């Protein structure tokens, strides 16, 4: 692949403080059978996680369609977990939840809240987990 400088068009960045980062991910589904057909729906824990993310994103969501990011889009998520007794701020967080699964749930909520038209428009994702003195997620999203 040819290396080149990326020209950023429209970009947003903000920090979403979270008292506790949900450990449940988009994979936490319940499967049931109704009239002989399988039905898949979100578990109560996943519904709660989505609500937590939506509440955190509410103050940053675009108010008008012309403020939405256009494809292709890059998203960088820097998860800040509370420091534990044997960890230092900046250390990598290497236990569950998985960074990619956290990103999927969060990006789905950003799509739902109108940051962009469809999550298929997201072409680049960076999701990093570290320990920090504050708990939450730093978000950078931009047009590529």
C-alpha atoms as a PDB file:
ATOM      1  CA  UNK A   1       0.000   0.000   0.000  1.00  0.00           C
ATOM      2  CA  UNK A   2       1.278   3.404  -0.910  1.00  0.00           C
ATOM      3  CA  UNK A   3       2.006   5.727   1.997  1.00  0.00           C
ATOM      4  CA  UNK A   4       0.456   9.156   1.739  1.00  0.00           C
ATOM      5  CA  UNK A   5      -0.685  12.012   3.906  1.00  0.00           C
ATOM      6  CA  UNK A   6      -4.344  11.874   4.788  1.00  0.00           C
ATOM      7  CA  UNK A   7      -6.249  15.106   4.378  1.00  0.00           C
ATOM      8  CA  UNK A   8      -8.859  15.436   7.089  1.00  0.00           C
ATOM      9  CA  UNK A   9     -12.029  17.225   6.149  1.00  0.00           C
ATOM     10  CA  UNK A  10     -14.526  17.430   9.001  1.00  0.00           C
ATOM     11  CA  UNK A  11     -13.551  16.141  12.453  1.00  0.00           C
ATOM     12  CA  UNK A  12     -14.990  15.951  15.953  1.00  0.00           C
ATOM     13  CA  UNK A  13     -13.442  14.986  19.261  1.00  0.00           C
ATOM     14  CA  UNK A  14     -14.778  14.812  22.783  1.00  0.00           C
ATOM     15  CA  UNK A  15     -14.530  12.888  26.050  1.00  0.00           C
ATOM     16  CA  UNK A  16     -17.463  10.858  27.415  1.00  0.00           C
ATOM     17  CA  UNK A  17     -17.070  10.420  31.184  1.00  0.00           C
ATOM     18  CA  UNK A  18     -18.388   7.053  32.353  1.00  0.00           C
ATOM     19  CA  UNK A  19     -18.549   6.085  36.028  1.00  0.00           C
ATOM     20  CA  UNK A  20     -18.135   2.503  34.920  1.00  0.00           C
ATOM     21  CA  UNK A  21     -17.400   1.245  31.417  1.00  0.00           C
ATOM     22  CA  UNK A  22     -19.884  -1.523  30.561  1.00  0.00           C
ATOM     23  CA  UNK A  23     -18.237  -4.926  30.273  1.00  0.00           C
ATOM     24  CA  UNK A  24     -21.060  -6.360  28.168  1.00  0.00           C
ATOM     25  CA  UNK A  25     -20.662  -6.172  24.388  1.00  0.00           C
ATOM     26  CA  UNK A  26     -22.840  -6.322  21.274  1.00  0.00           C
ATOM     27  CA  UNK A  27     -22.615 -10.129  21.359  1.00  0.00           C
ATOM     28  CA  UNK A  28     -24.717 -10.405  24.523  1.00  0.00           C
ATOM     29  CA  UNK A  29     -27.952 -11.533  22.877  1.00  0.00           C
ATOM     30  CA  UNK A  30     -30.837 -13.717  23.949  1.00  0.00           C
ATOM     31  CA  UNK A  31     -32.211 -16.300  21.548  1.00  0.00           C
ATOM     32  CA  UNK A  32     -35.774 -17.469  21.906  1.00  0.00           C
ATOM     33  CA  UNK A  33     -38.216 -19.388  19.722  1.00  0.00           C
ATOM     34  CA  UNK A  34     -41.677 -18.089  18.866  1.00  0.00           C
ATOM     35  CA  UNK A  35     -44.002 -19.966  16.527  1.00  0.00           C
ATOM     36  CA  UNK A  36     -41.114 -22.230  15.602  1.00  0.00           C
ATOM     37  CA  UNK A  37     -38.885 -19.336  14.494  1.00  0.00           C
ATOM     38  CA  UNK A  38     -35.798 -18.094  16.304  1.00  0.00           C
ATOM     39  CA  UNK A  39     -35.916 -14.569  17.682  1.00  0.00           C
ATOM     40  CA  UNK A  40     -32.747 -12.755  18.682  1.00  0.00           C
ATOM     41  CA  UNK A  41     -32.857  -9.735  20.939  1.00  0.00           C
ATOM     42  CA  UNK A  42     -30.618  -7.727  23.267  1.00  0.00           C
ATOM     43  CA  UNK A  43     -30.111  -8.954  26.809  1.00  0.00           C
ATOM     44  CA  UNK A  44     -31.118  -6.581  29.638  1.00  0.00           C
ATOM     45  CA  UNK A  45     -27.390  -5.965  30.315  1.00  0.00           C
ATOM     46  CA  UNK A  46     -26.809  -4.998  26.658  1.00  0.00           C
ATOM     47  CA  UNK A  47     -29.828  -2.674  26.713  1.00  0.00           C
ATOM     48  CA  UNK A  48     -28.360  -1.010  29.808  1.00  0.00           C
ATOM     49  CA  UNK A  49     -24.924  -0.634  28.145  1.00  0.00           C
ATOM     50  CA  UNK A  50     -26.506   0.936  25.058  1.00  0.00           C
ATOM     51  CA  UNK A  51     -28.406   3.351  27.306  1.00  0.00           C
ATOM     52  CA  UNK A  52     -25.209   4.301  29.157  1.00  0.00           C
ATOM     53  CA  UNK A  53     -23.435   5.019  25.862  1.00  0.00           C
ATOM     54  CA  UNK A  54     -26.410   6.963  24.467  1.00  0.00           C
ATOM     55  CA  UNK A  55     -26.639   9.108  27.607  1.00  0.00           C
ATOM     56  CA  UNK A  56     -22.925   9.867  27.389  1.00  0.00           C
ATOM     57  CA  UNK A  57     -23.117  10.706  23.674  1.00  0.00           C
ATOM     58  CA  UNK A  58     -26.292  12.809  23.909  1.00  0.00           C
ATOM     59  CA  UNK A  59     -24.558  16.148  24.422  1.00  0.00           C
ATOM     60  CA  UNK A  60     -22.244  15.597  21.443  1.00  0.00           C
ATOM     61  CA  UNK A  61     -24.662  14.208  18.843  1.00  0.00           C
ATOM     62  CA  UNK A  62     -25.221  16.304  15.707  1.00  0.00           C
ATOM     63  CA  UNK A  63     -28.338  18.437  15.880  1.00  0.00           C
ATOM     64  CA  UNK A  64     -28.745  18.694  12.082  1.00  0.00           C
ATOM     65  CA  UNK A  65     -28.054  16.347   9.171  1.00  0.00           C
ATOM     66  CA  UNK A  66     -25.516  18.766   7.698  1.00  0.00           C
ATOM     67  CA  UNK A  67     -23.362  18.187  10.817  1.00  0.00           C
ATOM     68  CA  UNK A  68     -23.095  14.436  10.154  1.00  0.00           C
ATOM     69  CA  UNK A  69     -19.737  13.047   9.048  1.00  0.00           C
ATOM     70  CA  UNK A  70     -19.603  11.781   5.468  1.00  0.00           C
ATOM     71  CA  UNK A  71     -17.967   8.589   4.223  1.00  0.00           C
ATOM     72  CA  UNK A  72     -15.292   7.429   4.427  1.00  0.00           C
ATOM     73  CA  UNK A  73     -14.984   7.916   8.193  1.00  0.00           C
ATOM     74  CA  UNK A  74     -12.248   7.134  10.725  1.00  0.00           C
ATOM     75  CA  UNK A  75     -13.041   6.578  14.410  1.00  0.00           C
ATOM     76  CA  UNK A  76     -10.557   6.416  17.269  1.00  0.00           C
ATOM     77  CA  UNK A  77     -11.722   5.323  20.711  1.00  0.00           C
ATOM     78  CA  UNK A  78      -9.411   5.546  23.714  1.00  0.00           C
ATOM     79  CA  UNK A  79     -11.018   3.728  26.651  1.00  0.00           C
ATOM     80  CA  UNK A  80      -9.927   4.885  30.112  1.00  0.00           C
ATOM     81  CA  UNK A  81     -10.504   2.287  32.833  1.00  0.00           C
ATOM     82  CA  UNK A  82     -10.134   3.151  36.530  1.00  0.00           C
ATOM     83  CA  UNK A  83      -6.651   2.419  37.864  1.00  0.00           C
ATOM     84  CA  UNK A  84      -6.490  -0.817  39.860  1.00  0.00           C
ATOM     85  CA  UNK A  85      -4.160  -1.488  42.787  1.00  0.00           C
ATOM     86  CA  UNK A  86      -1.353  -3.093  40.761  1.00  0.00           C
ATOM     87  CA  UNK A  87      -1.634  -0.778  37.723  1.00  0.00           C
ATOM     88  CA  UNK A  88      -0.408   2.694  36.807  1.00  0.00           C
ATOM     89  CA  UNK A  89      -2.109   5.329  34.648  1.00  0.00           C
ATOM     90  CA  UNK A  90      -1.150   4.603  31.057  1.00  0.00           C
ATOM     91  CA  UNK A  91      -0.788   0.830  31.496  1.00  0.00           C
ATOM     92  CA  UNK A  92      -2.706  -1.204  28.941  1.00  0.00           C
ATOM     93  CA  UNK A  93      -5.964  -2.782  30.093  1.00  0.00           C
ATOM     94  CA  UNK A  94      -5.622  -6.448  29.078  1.00  0.00           C
ATOM     95  CA  UNK A  95      -8.749  -8.068  30.504  1.00  0.00           C
ATOM     96  CA  UNK A  96     -12.315  -8.185  29.232  1.00  0.00           C
ATOM     97  CA  UNK A  97     -14.119  -6.538  27.603  1.00  0.00           C
ATOM     98  CA  UNK A  98     -12.341  -6.856  24.273  1.00  0.00           C
ATOM     99  CA  UNK A  99     -11.455  -3.535  22.640  1.00  0.00           C
ATOM    100  CA  UNK A 100     -13.027  -4.501  19.311  1.00  0.00           C
ATOM    101  CA  UNK A 101     -16.318  -5.564  20.876  1.00  0.00           C
ATOM    102  CA  UNK A 102     -16.500  -2.363  22.936  1.00  0.00           C
ATOM    103  CA  UNK A 103     -15.894  -0.384  19.756  1.00  0.00           C
ATOM    104  CA  UNK A 104     -18.663  -2.213  17.878  1.00  0.00           C
ATOM    105  CA  UNK A 105     -21.285  -1.413  20.505  1.00  0.00           C
ATOM    106  CA  UNK A 106     -20.149   2.218  20.831  1.00  0.00           C
ATOM    107  CA  UNK A 107     -19.965   2.825  17.066  1.00  0.00           C
ATOM    108  CA  UNK A 108     -23.432   1.298  16.656  1.00  0.00           C
ATOM    109  CA  UNK A 109     -24.747   3.813  19.194  1.00  0.00           C
ATOM    110  CA  UNK A 110     -22.987   6.675  17.403  1.00  0.00           C
ATOM    111  CA  UNK A 111     -24.695   5.580  14.176  1.00  0.00           C
ATOM    112  CA  UNK A 112     -28.055   5.361  15.946  1.00  0.00           C
ATOM    113  CA  UNK A 113     -27.577   8.903  17.281  1.00  0.00           C
ATOM    114  CA  UNK A 114     -26.818  10.378  13.846  1.00  0.00           C
ATOM    115  CA  UNK A 115     -23.065  11.007  13.871  1.00  0.00           C
ATOM    116  CA  UNK A 116     -23.067   9.477  10.345  1.00  0.00           C
ATOM    117  CA  UNK A 117     -25.616   7.829   8.079  1.00  0.00           C
ATOM    118  CA  UNK A 118     -24.533   4.190   8.311  1.00  0.00           C
ATOM    119  CA  UNK A 119     -21.822   2.343  10.243  1.00  0.00           C
ATOM    120  CA  UNK A 120     -20.665   0.772   6.973  1.00  0.00           C
ATOM    121  CA  UNK A 121     -19.231   4.246   6.231  1.00  0.00           C
ATOM    122  CA  UNK A 122     -16.680   3.745   9.017  1.00  0.00           C
ATOM    123  CA  UNK A 123     -13.527   2.606   7.186  1.00  0.00           C
ATOM    124  CA  UNK A 124     -10.958   2.989   9.966  1.00  0.00           C
ATOM    125  CA  UNK A 125     -11.291   2.023  13.630  1.00  0.00           C
ATOM    126  CA  UNK A 126      -8.759   2.363  16.433  1.00  0.00           C
ATOM    127  CA  UNK A 127      -9.844   1.097  19.850  1.00  0.00           C
ATOM    128  CA  UNK A 128      -7.341   1.216  22.697  1.00  0.00           C
ATOM    129  CA  UNK A 129      -7.831   0.338  26.367  1.00  0.00           C
ATOM    130  CA  UNK A 130      -5.678   1.788  29.136  1.00  0.00           C
ATOM    131  CA  UNK A 131      -5.875   2.557  32.825  1.00  0.00           C
ATOM    132  CA  UNK A 132      -6.308   6.190  33.821  1.00  0.00           C
ATOM    133  CA  UNK A 133      -7.281   8.420  36.731  1.00  0.00           C
ATOM    134  CA  UNK A 134     -10.534   9.223  34.932  1.00  0.00           C
ATOM    135  CA  UNK A 135     -13.036   6.723  33.567  1.00  0.00           C
ATOM    136  CA  UNK A 136     -14.636   7.060  30.145  1.00  0.00           C
ATOM    137  CA  UNK A 137     -13.832   7.149  26.470  1.00  0.00           C
ATOM    138  CA  UNK A 138     -12.051   9.773  24.387  1.00  0.00           C
ATOM    139  CA  UNK A 139     -13.581   9.906  20.891  1.00  0.00           C
ATOM    140  CA  UNK A 140     -12.079  11.200  17.662  1.00  0.00           C
ATOM    141  CA  UNK A 141     -14.100  10.835  14.459  1.00  0.00           C
ATOM    142  CA  UNK A 142     -13.233  12.350  11.126  1.00  0.00           C
ATOM    143  CA  UNK A 143     -13.816  12.242   7.417  1.00  0.00           C
ATOM    144  CA  UNK A 144     -10.955  10.552   5.596  1.00  0.00           C
END
